[in-house]
Every structure is written in structure tokens, then in C-alpha cells.
Amino acid sequence: MGAKPIKRHFFTKDSVKHYSQIQRTGDILPKPARIIVSKDYWSDVGGWRGWETISIYDKKFEDWEYAYAVYDEILRRADPGSVKER
């Protein structure tokens, strides 16, 4: 079972829907932070068509303060007014 996200948001960047989350990860205390950003894209491969989600950023941070700063910067770079908490 995966870790429960501490913060989750969705936003658009260049009119493409993105999902972001920050969570605890690993099994060694203190647990490091993990930031994951995914985006939707249209797939038309092998006769199957539809929306798919792919992870475009997945990084672990030992310093939680720095991880929150990176997460806030990701949200700041989103299209204006598009950030919503999930």
C-alpha cells in the first residue's frame, strides 16, 4: 500500500492538466519527502484511443523544508488561477 499524500493539487500548465502530490516515502525514519507530478496526454496507439496519465517528475528529498519550497515553486509555475486542491 502506498503512502498517503500530505498535499495533492491539480493544475494546468500550457493548457495541459497536471496532478501533483507530496508525500512521505521509504521505510527508514525520518521518512524523506517525495514529490510526484503527472500529466494527462491523448494516446492513439494500436487501435486504442483515450486519455492516459504519465509521471513527468518523481523525486525524493531528505530535507522537508526544501521539498516544500520545490513543491510551492511547481505550483507557482502553473497557469494563473488553475491550481486546485484535491
Protein backbone atom coordinates (compact mmCIF):
# COMPACT_ATOMS: atom_id res chain seq x y z
CA MET A 1 0.00 0.00 0.00
CA GLY A 2 1.39 3.40 -0.98
CA ALA A 3 1.94 6.35 1.29
CA LYS A 4 -0.95 8.75 1.79
CA PRO A 5 -0.22 12.14 0.16
CA ILE A 6 0.18 15.10 2.51
CA LYS A 7 -0.80 17.62 -0.19
CA ARG A 8 -2.44 16.98 -3.57
CA HIS A 9 -3.27 19.52 -6.26
CA PHE A 10 -4.30 19.61 -9.86
CA PHE A 11 -3.46 22.45 -12.21
CA THR A 12 -2.91 23.28 -15.85
CA LYS A 13 0.40 24.25 -17.42
CA ASP A 14 0.33 25.33 -21.05
CA SER A 15 -3.35 24.23 -21.08
CA VAL A 16 -2.44 20.61 -20.17
CA LYS A 17 -3.88 19.07 -16.98
CA HIS A 18 -1.29 18.10 -14.35
CA TYR A 19 -1.55 16.38 -10.96
CA SER A 20 0.93 16.90 -8.12
CA GLN A 21 1.44 15.45 -4.67
CA ILE A 22 3.96 15.49 -1.85
CA GLN A 23 4.14 12.50 0.48
CA ARG A 24 6.33 10.60 2.93
CA THR A 25 8.26 7.73 1.39
CA GLY A 26 10.60 4.91 2.34
CA ASP A 27 10.86 2.69 5.39
CA ILE A 28 13.73 4.40 7.25
CA LEU A 29 12.94 7.10 9.81
CA PRO A 30 12.84 10.01 9.40
CA LYS A 31 10.97 9.37 6.17
CA PRO A 32 12.05 11.54 3.23
CA ALA A 33 9.66 13.60 1.13
CA ARG A 34 8.64 12.53 -2.37
CA ILE A 35 7.16 14.84 -4.98
CA ILE A 36 5.32 13.36 -7.95
CA VAL A 37 3.92 15.36 -10.88
CA SER A 38 1.86 13.61 -13.56
CA LYS A 39 0.11 14.88 -16.65
CA ASP A 40 -2.64 13.73 -19.00
CA TYR A 41 -1.99 13.09 -22.66
CA TRP A 42 -4.01 11.75 -25.58
CA SER A 43 -2.95 8.29 -26.75
CA ASP A 44 -3.84 6.83 -30.13
CA VAL A 45 -1.73 3.67 -30.34
CA GLY A 46 -2.56 0.18 -31.59
CA GLY A 47 -6.23 0.88 -32.23
CA TRP A 48 -6.81 2.15 -28.68
CA ARG A 49 -7.61 5.83 -28.15
CA GLY A 50 -8.04 7.72 -24.92
CA TRP A 51 -6.52 9.82 -22.19
CA GLU A 52 -3.55 8.42 -20.28
CA THR A 53 -1.60 9.75 -17.31
CA ILE A 54 2.19 9.66 -17.19
CA SER A 55 4.57 10.68 -14.39
CA ILE A 56 6.83 13.51 -15.57
CA TYR A 57 8.56 14.31 -12.26
CA ASP A 58 9.28 11.92 -9.38
CA LYS A 59 11.95 12.97 -6.91
CA LYS A 60 12.88 12.20 -3.30
CA PHE A 61 14.13 14.87 -0.86
CA GLU A 62 15.77 14.34 2.53
CA ASP A 63 15.19 17.99 3.52
CA TRP A 64 11.46 18.60 4.02
CA GLU A 65 11.81 22.39 4.05
CA TYR A 66 13.49 22.28 0.64
CA ALA A 67 10.88 19.79 -0.63
CA TYR A 68 8.04 22.17 0.30
CA ALA A 69 9.88 25.04 -1.43
CA VAL A 70 10.20 22.94 -4.62
CA TYR A 71 6.52 21.90 -4.40
CA ASP A 72 5.42 25.53 -3.98
CA GLU A 73 7.56 26.54 -6.98
CA ILE A 74 5.93 23.83 -9.12
CA LEU A 75 2.50 25.23 -8.21
CA ARG A 76 3.68 28.82 -8.80
CA ARG A 77 4.66 27.96 -12.39
CA ALA A 78 1.16 26.67 -13.21
CA ASP A 79 -1.21 28.66 -15.42
CA PRO A 80 -2.69 31.59 -13.42
CA GLY A 81 -5.82 30.64 -11.48
CA SER A 82 -5.64 26.95 -12.36
CA VAL A 83 -4.33 25.45 -9.09
CA LYS A 84 -6.98 23.49 -7.14
CA GLU A 85 -6.52 21.31 -4.07
CA ARG A 86 -7.64 17.69 -4.47
